[in-house]
């Protein structure tokens, strides 16, 4: 029996898989941790440059997002054995068929590249301090090292 159109999964693009692999609850907790740091700085009387804080927060969230996608690629096999709880046990997006390892890897690379390019642009324009450049270079090095490791085929 054919399911009504409203109950059939959308096969055009795996938006739900990308969303699930992003681990939105964990991603939001990273934003909350960043906000606590800004609040402490403000409490201590330090001046807050809000436009720079927003830029740095976005770069932080992008880097976390890239790490989540890379993790889904690397842990696809073990995630099939785990019980997902929302904060542990994997997202289950690949195991459930909502996404593929290839999509996780490609998305990790695109988001990593976006993070690095935006970070370098922010440092080059003077919006963020040069120390942020070191973080970007460490991220680029980590991604390069990770990709050179034997991970099997995507």
N, C-alpha and C. Protein backbone atom coordinates (compact mmCIF):
# COMPACT_ATOMS: atom_id res chain seq x y z
N UNK A 1 0.84 -1.18 0.00
CA UNK A 1 0.00 0.00 0.00
C UNK A 1 0.88 1.25 0.00
N UNK A 2 0.57 2.17 -0.86
CA UNK A 2 1.36 3.40 -0.99
C UNK A 2 0.99 4.38 0.12
N UNK A 3 2.04 4.99 0.72
CA UNK A 3 1.80 5.99 1.76
C UNK A 3 1.31 7.28 1.12
N UNK A 4 0.47 8.03 1.84
CA UNK A 4 0.09 9.36 1.35
C UNK A 4 1.34 10.22 1.17
N UNK A 5 1.31 11.16 0.22
CA UNK A 5 2.48 11.98 -0.07
C UNK A 5 3.02 12.69 1.16
N UNK A 6 2.16 13.11 2.06
CA UNK A 6 2.61 13.84 3.24
C UNK A 6 3.44 12.97 4.18
N UNK A 7 3.32 11.63 4.08
CA UNK A 7 4.07 10.74 4.97
C UNK A 7 5.31 10.16 4.31
N UNK A 8 5.50 10.39 3.02
CA UNK A 8 6.66 9.86 2.33
C UNK A 8 7.87 10.74 2.63
N UNK A 9 9.04 10.11 2.85
CA UNK A 9 10.23 10.91 3.13
C UNK A 9 10.65 11.72 1.91
N UNK A 10 11.18 12.89 2.16
CA UNK A 10 11.68 13.76 1.10
C UNK A 10 13.02 13.22 0.63
N UNK A 11 13.09 12.78 -0.61
CA UNK A 11 14.31 12.20 -1.15
C UNK A 11 15.17 13.22 -1.91
N UNK A 12 14.74 14.49 -1.98
CA UNK A 12 15.44 15.47 -2.78
C UNK A 12 16.80 15.86 -2.18
N UNK A 13 16.86 16.05 -0.90
CA UNK A 13 18.12 16.40 -0.23
C UNK A 13 17.98 16.03 1.24
N UNK A 14 19.01 15.48 1.83
CA UNK A 14 18.91 14.98 3.22
C UNK A 14 19.01 16.07 4.29
N UNK A 15 18.13 17.06 4.24
CA UNK A 15 18.16 18.14 5.23
C UNK A 15 18.03 17.61 6.65
N UNK A 16 17.14 16.65 6.84
CA UNK A 16 16.94 16.11 8.19
C UNK A 16 18.21 15.41 8.69
N UNK A 17 18.90 14.70 7.80
CA UNK A 17 20.15 14.05 8.18
C UNK A 17 21.22 15.05 8.56
N UNK A 18 21.34 16.13 7.78
CA UNK A 18 22.31 17.18 8.11
C UNK A 18 21.98 17.81 9.46
N UNK A 19 20.69 18.08 9.69
CA UNK A 19 20.27 18.67 10.96
C UNK A 19 20.61 17.73 12.11
N UNK A 20 20.28 16.45 11.96
CA UNK A 20 20.52 15.49 13.04
C UNK A 20 22.01 15.33 13.30
N UNK A 21 22.83 15.28 12.23
CA UNK A 21 24.28 15.14 12.42
C UNK A 21 24.89 16.38 13.07
N UNK A 22 24.23 17.53 12.95
CA UNK A 22 24.78 18.76 13.53
C UNK A 22 24.72 18.78 15.05
N UNK A 23 23.95 17.84 15.64
CA UNK A 23 23.79 17.75 17.09
C UNK A 23 23.39 19.11 17.66
N UNK A 24 22.19 19.60 17.30
CA UNK A 24 21.79 20.96 17.67
C UNK A 24 21.81 21.26 19.16
N UNK A 25 21.49 20.29 20.00
CA UNK A 25 21.52 20.55 21.45
C UNK A 25 22.95 20.81 21.91
N UNK A 26 23.89 20.00 21.41
CA UNK A 26 25.29 20.18 21.80
C UNK A 26 25.84 21.47 21.20
N UNK A 27 25.45 21.78 19.97
CA UNK A 27 25.89 23.01 19.33
C UNK A 27 25.40 24.23 20.12
N UNK A 28 24.16 24.18 20.55
CA UNK A 28 23.61 25.28 21.36
C UNK A 28 24.34 25.42 22.69
N UNK A 29 24.75 24.30 23.27
CA UNK A 29 25.47 24.38 24.54
C UNK A 29 26.82 25.06 24.36
N UNK A 30 27.43 24.90 23.18
CA UNK A 30 28.68 25.62 22.89
C UNK A 30 28.45 27.12 22.84
N UNK A 31 27.32 27.52 22.23
CA UNK A 31 26.96 28.94 22.21
C UNK A 31 26.70 29.48 23.60
N UNK A 32 26.07 28.67 24.43
CA UNK A 32 25.81 29.07 25.81
C UNK A 32 27.11 29.24 26.59
N UNK A 33 28.05 28.31 26.40
CA UNK A 33 29.35 28.42 27.08
C UNK A 33 30.07 29.70 26.64
N UNK A 34 30.00 30.01 25.36
CA UNK A 34 30.62 31.24 24.85
C UNK A 34 29.97 32.46 25.51
N UNK A 35 28.63 32.46 25.59
CA UNK A 35 27.91 33.58 26.20
C UNK A 35 28.28 33.76 27.66
N UNK A 36 28.49 32.65 28.37
CA UNK A 36 28.92 32.75 29.77
C UNK A 36 30.28 33.44 29.86
N UNK A 37 31.18 33.09 28.94
CA UNK A 37 32.49 33.75 28.93
C UNK A 37 32.39 35.24 28.69
N UNK A 38 31.53 35.65 27.77
CA UNK A 38 31.32 37.07 27.50
C UNK A 38 30.70 37.75 28.72
N UNK A 39 29.75 37.09 29.36
CA UNK A 39 29.10 37.65 30.55
C UNK A 39 30.11 37.85 31.68
N UNK A 40 31.01 36.90 31.85
CA UNK A 40 32.04 37.03 32.89
C UNK A 40 32.95 38.22 32.57
N UNK A 41 33.34 38.36 31.30
CA UNK A 41 34.19 39.49 30.91
C UNK A 41 33.48 40.81 31.19
N UNK A 42 32.19 40.88 30.87
CA UNK A 42 31.42 42.11 31.11
C UNK A 42 31.31 42.38 32.61
N UNK A 43 31.08 41.33 33.39
CA UNK A 43 30.99 41.46 34.84
C UNK A 43 32.30 42.00 35.42
N UNK A 44 33.41 41.56 34.84
CA UNK A 44 34.73 42.00 35.30
C UNK A 44 35.05 43.43 34.83
N UNK A 45 34.14 44.03 34.08
CA UNK A 45 34.33 45.41 33.66
C UNK A 45 35.08 45.57 32.35
N UNK A 46 35.32 44.50 31.65
CA UNK A 46 36.03 44.60 30.37
C UNK A 46 35.08 45.12 29.30
N UNK A 47 35.59 45.93 28.38
CA UNK A 47 34.73 46.42 27.30
C UNK A 47 34.40 45.28 26.33
N UNK A 48 33.18 45.26 25.87
CA UNK A 48 32.73 44.20 24.95
C UNK A 48 32.48 44.82 23.59
N UNK A 49 33.21 44.36 22.59
CA UNK A 49 32.98 44.77 21.20
C UNK A 49 32.01 43.75 20.61
N UNK A 50 30.73 44.10 20.61
CA UNK A 50 29.69 43.13 20.27
C UNK A 50 29.81 42.58 18.87
N UNK A 51 30.22 43.42 17.90
CA UNK A 51 30.36 42.91 16.53
C UNK A 51 31.47 41.86 16.45
N UNK A 52 32.54 42.06 17.19
CA UNK A 52 33.61 41.06 17.22
C UNK A 52 33.18 39.80 17.95
N UNK A 53 32.40 39.98 19.01
CA UNK A 53 31.92 38.82 19.75
C UNK A 53 30.99 37.97 18.90
N UNK A 54 30.13 38.62 18.14
CA UNK A 54 29.21 37.89 17.26
C UNK A 54 29.99 37.13 16.18
N UNK A 55 31.00 37.77 15.62
CA UNK A 55 31.84 37.12 14.62
C UNK A 55 32.56 35.92 15.22
N UNK A 56 33.16 36.11 16.38
CA UNK A 56 33.90 35.02 17.03
C UNK A 56 32.96 33.89 17.43
N UNK A 57 31.77 34.22 17.90
CA UNK A 57 30.78 33.18 18.24
C UNK A 57 30.41 32.37 17.01
N UNK A 58 30.17 33.05 15.90
CA UNK A 58 29.83 32.34 14.67
C UNK A 58 30.96 31.44 14.20
N UNK A 59 32.19 31.91 14.29
CA UNK A 59 33.34 31.07 13.92
C UNK A 59 33.46 29.87 14.85
N UNK A 60 33.20 30.09 16.13
CA UNK A 60 33.24 28.99 17.09
C UNK A 60 32.18 27.94 16.76
N UNK A 61 30.96 28.40 16.47
CA UNK A 61 29.89 27.47 16.14
C UNK A 61 30.17 26.74 14.83
N UNK A 62 30.74 27.43 13.84
CA UNK A 62 31.10 26.77 12.59
C UNK A 62 32.16 25.69 12.81
N UNK A 63 33.17 26.01 13.63
CA UNK A 63 34.21 25.02 13.92
C UNK A 63 33.62 23.81 14.65
N UNK A 64 32.71 24.06 15.58
CA UNK A 64 32.04 22.95 16.27
C UNK A 64 31.21 22.13 15.30
N UNK A 65 30.52 22.80 14.40
CA UNK A 65 29.70 22.11 13.42
C UNK A 65 30.56 21.23 12.51
N UNK A 66 31.69 21.76 12.07
CA UNK A 66 32.62 20.97 11.25
C UNK A 66 33.08 19.73 12.01
N UNK A 67 33.37 19.90 13.29
CA UNK A 67 33.80 18.77 14.11
C UNK A 67 32.70 17.73 14.25
N UNK A 68 31.46 18.16 14.38
CA UNK A 68 30.34 17.23 14.49
C UNK A 68 30.21 16.39 13.23
N UNK A 69 30.28 17.04 12.07
CA UNK A 69 30.17 16.30 10.81
C UNK A 69 31.34 15.35 10.62
N UNK A 70 32.55 15.80 10.96
CA UNK A 70 33.72 14.92 10.85
C UNK A 70 33.59 13.72 11.80
N UNK A 71 33.06 13.98 12.98
CA UNK A 71 32.85 12.90 13.95
C UNK A 71 31.84 11.88 13.42
N UNK A 72 30.79 12.35 12.78
CA UNK A 72 29.78 11.42 12.23
C UNK A 72 30.40 10.55 11.15
N UNK A 73 31.30 11.13 10.35
CA UNK A 73 32.00 10.35 9.33
C UNK A 73 32.88 9.29 9.99
N UNK A 74 33.65 9.70 10.98
CA UNK A 74 34.61 8.78 11.61
C UNK A 74 33.93 7.72 12.46
N UNK A 75 32.81 8.07 13.09
CA UNK A 75 32.16 7.15 14.03
C UNK A 75 30.93 6.45 13.48
N UNK A 76 30.77 6.43 12.17
CA UNK A 76 29.55 5.86 11.58
C UNK A 76 29.33 4.42 12.03
N UNK A 77 30.39 3.63 12.09
CA UNK A 77 30.23 2.22 12.47
C UNK A 77 29.83 2.07 13.93
N UNK A 78 30.49 2.80 14.82
CA UNK A 78 30.18 2.66 16.25
C UNK A 78 28.83 3.27 16.60
N UNK A 79 28.41 4.28 15.84
CA UNK A 79 27.10 4.89 16.10
C UNK A 79 25.95 3.92 15.86
N UNK A 80 26.18 2.91 15.01
CA UNK A 80 25.12 1.92 14.77
C UNK A 80 24.89 1.05 16.01
N UNK A 81 25.90 0.97 16.87
CA UNK A 81 25.80 0.14 18.09
C UNK A 81 25.32 0.93 19.30
N UNK A 82 25.36 2.26 19.22
CA UNK A 82 25.07 3.10 20.37
C UNK A 82 23.58 3.40 20.49
N UNK A 83 23.18 3.73 21.71
CA UNK A 83 21.82 4.20 21.96
C UNK A 83 21.90 5.71 22.10
N UNK A 84 21.29 6.42 21.16
CA UNK A 84 21.36 7.88 21.16
C UNK A 84 20.43 8.44 22.23
N UNK A 85 20.95 9.42 22.99
CA UNK A 85 20.16 10.07 24.03
C UNK A 85 19.96 11.55 23.76
N UNK A 86 20.49 12.07 22.69
CA UNK A 86 20.42 13.51 22.41
C UNK A 86 21.71 14.21 22.79
N UNK A 87 22.36 13.75 23.86
CA UNK A 87 23.64 14.33 24.26
C UNK A 87 24.76 13.30 24.24
N UNK A 88 24.44 12.04 24.01
CA UNK A 88 25.48 11.01 23.90
C UNK A 88 24.97 9.89 23.00
N UNK A 89 25.89 9.06 22.56
CA UNK A 89 25.50 7.89 21.77
C UNK A 89 25.39 8.13 20.29
N UNK A 90 25.83 9.26 19.80
CA UNK A 90 25.77 9.53 18.37
C UNK A 90 24.43 10.09 17.94
N UNK A 91 24.40 10.63 16.74
CA UNK A 91 23.17 11.23 16.24
C UNK A 91 22.24 10.20 15.63
N UNK A 92 22.78 9.10 15.15
CA UNK A 92 21.97 8.07 14.51
C UNK A 92 21.56 8.41 13.10
N UNK A 93 22.02 9.53 12.56
CA UNK A 93 21.59 9.97 11.23
C UNK A 93 22.07 9.02 10.13
N UNK A 94 23.29 8.55 10.23
CA UNK A 94 23.81 7.64 9.20
C UNK A 94 23.22 6.26 9.39
N UNK A 95 23.17 5.78 10.62
CA UNK A 95 22.63 4.44 10.90
C UNK A 95 21.18 4.32 10.47
N UNK A 96 20.42 5.41 10.59
CA UNK A 96 18.99 5.36 10.24
C UNK A 96 18.75 5.61 8.75
N UNK A 97 19.79 5.94 8.01
CA UNK A 97 19.64 6.18 6.58
C UNK A 97 19.28 7.60 6.21
N UNK A 98 19.27 8.50 7.19
CA UNK A 98 18.96 9.90 6.90
C UNK A 98 20.12 10.62 6.22
N UNK A 99 21.32 10.06 6.35
CA UNK A 99 22.52 10.65 5.75
C UNK A 99 23.50 9.52 5.45
N UNK A 100 24.54 9.85 4.70
CA UNK A 100 25.59 8.89 4.37
C UNK A 100 26.92 9.37 4.92
N UNK A 101 27.87 8.44 5.00
CA UNK A 101 29.22 8.83 5.43
C UNK A 101 29.80 9.85 4.46
N UNK A 102 29.55 9.65 3.17
CA UNK A 102 30.07 10.57 2.17
C UNK A 102 29.53 11.98 2.40
N UNK A 103 28.24 12.10 2.68
CA UNK A 103 27.66 13.41 2.97
C UNK A 103 28.29 14.02 4.22
N UNK A 104 28.51 13.22 5.25
CA UNK A 104 29.14 13.72 6.47
C UNK A 104 30.54 14.25 6.18
N UNK A 105 31.32 13.49 5.41
CA UNK A 105 32.68 13.92 5.07
C UNK A 105 32.67 15.19 4.23
N UNK A 106 31.85 15.21 3.19
CA UNK A 106 31.80 16.38 2.32
C UNK A 106 31.36 17.63 3.09
N UNK A 107 30.38 17.46 3.96
CA UNK A 107 29.90 18.60 4.74
C UNK A 107 30.96 19.07 5.73
N UNK A 108 31.67 18.13 6.34
CA UNK A 108 32.76 18.49 7.26
C UNK A 108 33.82 19.31 6.53
N UNK A 109 34.16 18.91 5.33
CA UNK A 109 35.19 19.63 4.57
C UNK A 109 34.72 21.02 4.16
N UNK A 110 33.47 21.13 3.72
CA UNK A 110 32.95 22.43 3.31
C UNK A 110 32.86 23.38 4.50
N UNK A 111 32.34 22.90 5.63
CA UNK A 111 32.20 23.76 6.81
C UNK A 111 33.58 24.11 7.38
N UNK A 112 34.53 23.17 7.33
CA UNK A 112 35.90 23.47 7.78
C UNK A 112 36.52 24.55 6.91
N UNK A 113 36.38 24.41 5.60
CA UNK A 113 36.94 25.42 4.69
C UNK A 113 36.29 26.78 4.91
N UNK A 114 34.99 26.80 5.10
CA UNK A 114 34.28 28.05 5.36
C UNK A 114 34.78 28.70 6.65
N UNK A 115 34.97 27.89 7.68
CA UNK A 115 35.46 28.40 8.96
C UNK A 115 36.85 29.00 8.80
N UNK A 116 37.72 28.30 8.09
CA UNK A 116 39.09 28.77 7.91
C UNK A 116 39.12 30.06 7.08
N UNK A 117 38.38 30.09 5.98
CA UNK A 117 38.37 31.27 5.11
C UNK A 117 37.81 32.48 5.86
N UNK A 118 36.68 32.31 6.55
CA UNK A 118 36.10 33.42 7.30
C UNK A 118 37.02 33.86 8.44
N UNK A 119 37.65 32.90 9.10
CA UNK A 119 38.58 33.22 10.19
C UNK A 119 39.78 34.00 9.69
N UNK A 120 40.36 33.55 8.59
CA UNK A 120 41.51 34.26 8.03
C UNK A 120 41.10 35.66 7.56
N UNK A 121 39.90 35.76 6.99
CA UNK A 121 39.41 37.08 6.58
C UNK A 121 39.22 38.01 7.76
N UNK A 122 38.70 37.47 8.85
CA UNK A 122 38.47 38.28 10.05
C UNK A 122 39.79 38.76 10.65
N UNK A 123 40.80 37.89 10.65
CA UNK A 123 42.11 38.29 11.17
C UNK A 123 42.77 39.29 10.22
N UNK A 124 42.69 38.99 8.92
CA UNK A 124 43.31 39.87 7.93
C UNK A 124 42.72 41.27 7.91
N UNK A 125 41.43 41.38 8.21
CA UNK A 125 40.76 42.68 8.22
C UNK A 125 40.91 43.40 9.56
N UNK A 126 41.49 42.72 10.53
CA UNK A 126 41.69 43.32 11.84
C UNK A 126 40.50 43.17 12.78
N UNK A 127 39.46 42.46 12.36
CA UNK A 127 38.30 42.28 13.22
C UNK A 127 38.59 41.35 14.40
N UNK A 128 39.47 40.39 14.20
CA UNK A 128 39.87 39.49 15.28
C UNK A 128 41.37 39.54 15.45
N UNK A 129 41.87 39.31 16.66
CA UNK A 129 43.32 39.37 16.90
C UNK A 129 44.06 38.25 16.18
N UNK A 130 45.35 38.47 15.99
CA UNK A 130 46.20 37.49 15.31
C UNK A 130 46.22 36.13 15.97
N UNK A 131 45.95 36.08 17.28
CA UNK A 131 45.93 34.78 17.97
C UNK A 131 44.86 33.88 17.36
N UNK A 132 43.81 34.46 16.82
CA UNK A 132 42.76 33.67 16.19
C UNK A 132 43.31 32.96 14.95
N UNK A 133 44.32 33.57 14.32
CA UNK A 133 44.96 32.94 13.16
C UNK A 133 45.58 31.62 13.57
N UNK A 134 46.19 31.57 14.74
CA UNK A 134 46.80 30.32 15.22
C UNK A 134 45.73 29.23 15.39
N UNK A 135 44.59 29.60 15.90
CA UNK A 135 43.50 28.63 16.06
C UNK A 135 43.07 28.10 14.70
N UNK A 136 42.94 28.99 13.73
CA UNK A 136 42.57 28.57 12.38
C UNK A 136 43.60 27.65 11.75
N UNK A 137 44.87 27.97 11.95
CA UNK A 137 45.93 27.11 11.42
C UNK A 137 45.96 25.76 12.11
N UNK A 138 45.69 25.74 13.42
CA UNK A 138 45.62 24.45 14.12
C UNK A 138 44.46 23.62 13.61
N UNK A 139 43.33 24.28 13.33
CA UNK A 139 42.18 23.56 12.77
C UNK A 139 42.53 22.99 11.40
N UNK A 140 43.18 23.80 10.57
CA UNK A 140 43.57 23.32 9.24
C UNK A 140 44.53 22.14 9.35
N UNK A 141 45.47 22.22 10.28
CA UNK A 141 46.42 21.13 10.49
C UNK A 141 45.69 19.87 10.97
N UNK A 142 44.76 20.03 11.89
CA UNK A 142 44.03 18.88 12.42
C UNK A 142 43.20 18.21 11.33
N UNK A 143 42.55 19.01 10.49
CA UNK A 143 41.76 18.45 9.40
C UNK A 143 42.67 17.72 8.42
N UNK A 144 43.80 18.30 8.09
CA UNK A 144 44.75 17.66 7.18
C UNK A 144 45.28 16.35 7.75
N UNK A 145 45.62 16.36 9.02
CA UNK A 145 46.11 15.14 9.67
C UNK A 145 45.03 14.07 9.68
N UNK A 146 43.82 14.49 10.02
CA UNK A 146 42.71 13.56 10.11
C UNK A 146 42.42 12.94 8.75
N UNK A 147 42.47 13.75 7.69
CA UNK A 147 42.18 13.22 6.37
C UNK A 147 43.28 12.29 5.86
N UNK A 148 44.51 12.48 6.36
CA UNK A 148 45.60 11.62 5.90
C UNK A 148 45.60 10.27 6.62
N UNK A 149 44.86 10.15 7.72
CA UNK A 149 44.78 8.88 8.45
C UNK A 149 43.96 7.88 7.65
N UNK A 150 44.21 6.62 7.86
CA UNK A 150 43.48 5.56 7.16
C UNK A 150 42.10 5.43 7.80
N UNK A 151 41.08 5.93 7.12
CA UNK A 151 39.71 5.90 7.63
C UNK A 151 38.83 4.93 6.84
N UNK A 152 39.39 4.21 5.92
CA UNK A 152 38.57 3.37 5.07
C UNK A 152 37.96 4.21 3.98
N UNK A 153 37.08 3.63 3.19
CA UNK A 153 36.50 4.42 2.11
C UNK A 153 35.19 5.05 2.58
N UNK A 154 34.91 6.18 1.99
CA UNK A 154 33.70 6.92 2.35
C UNK A 154 32.55 6.26 1.65
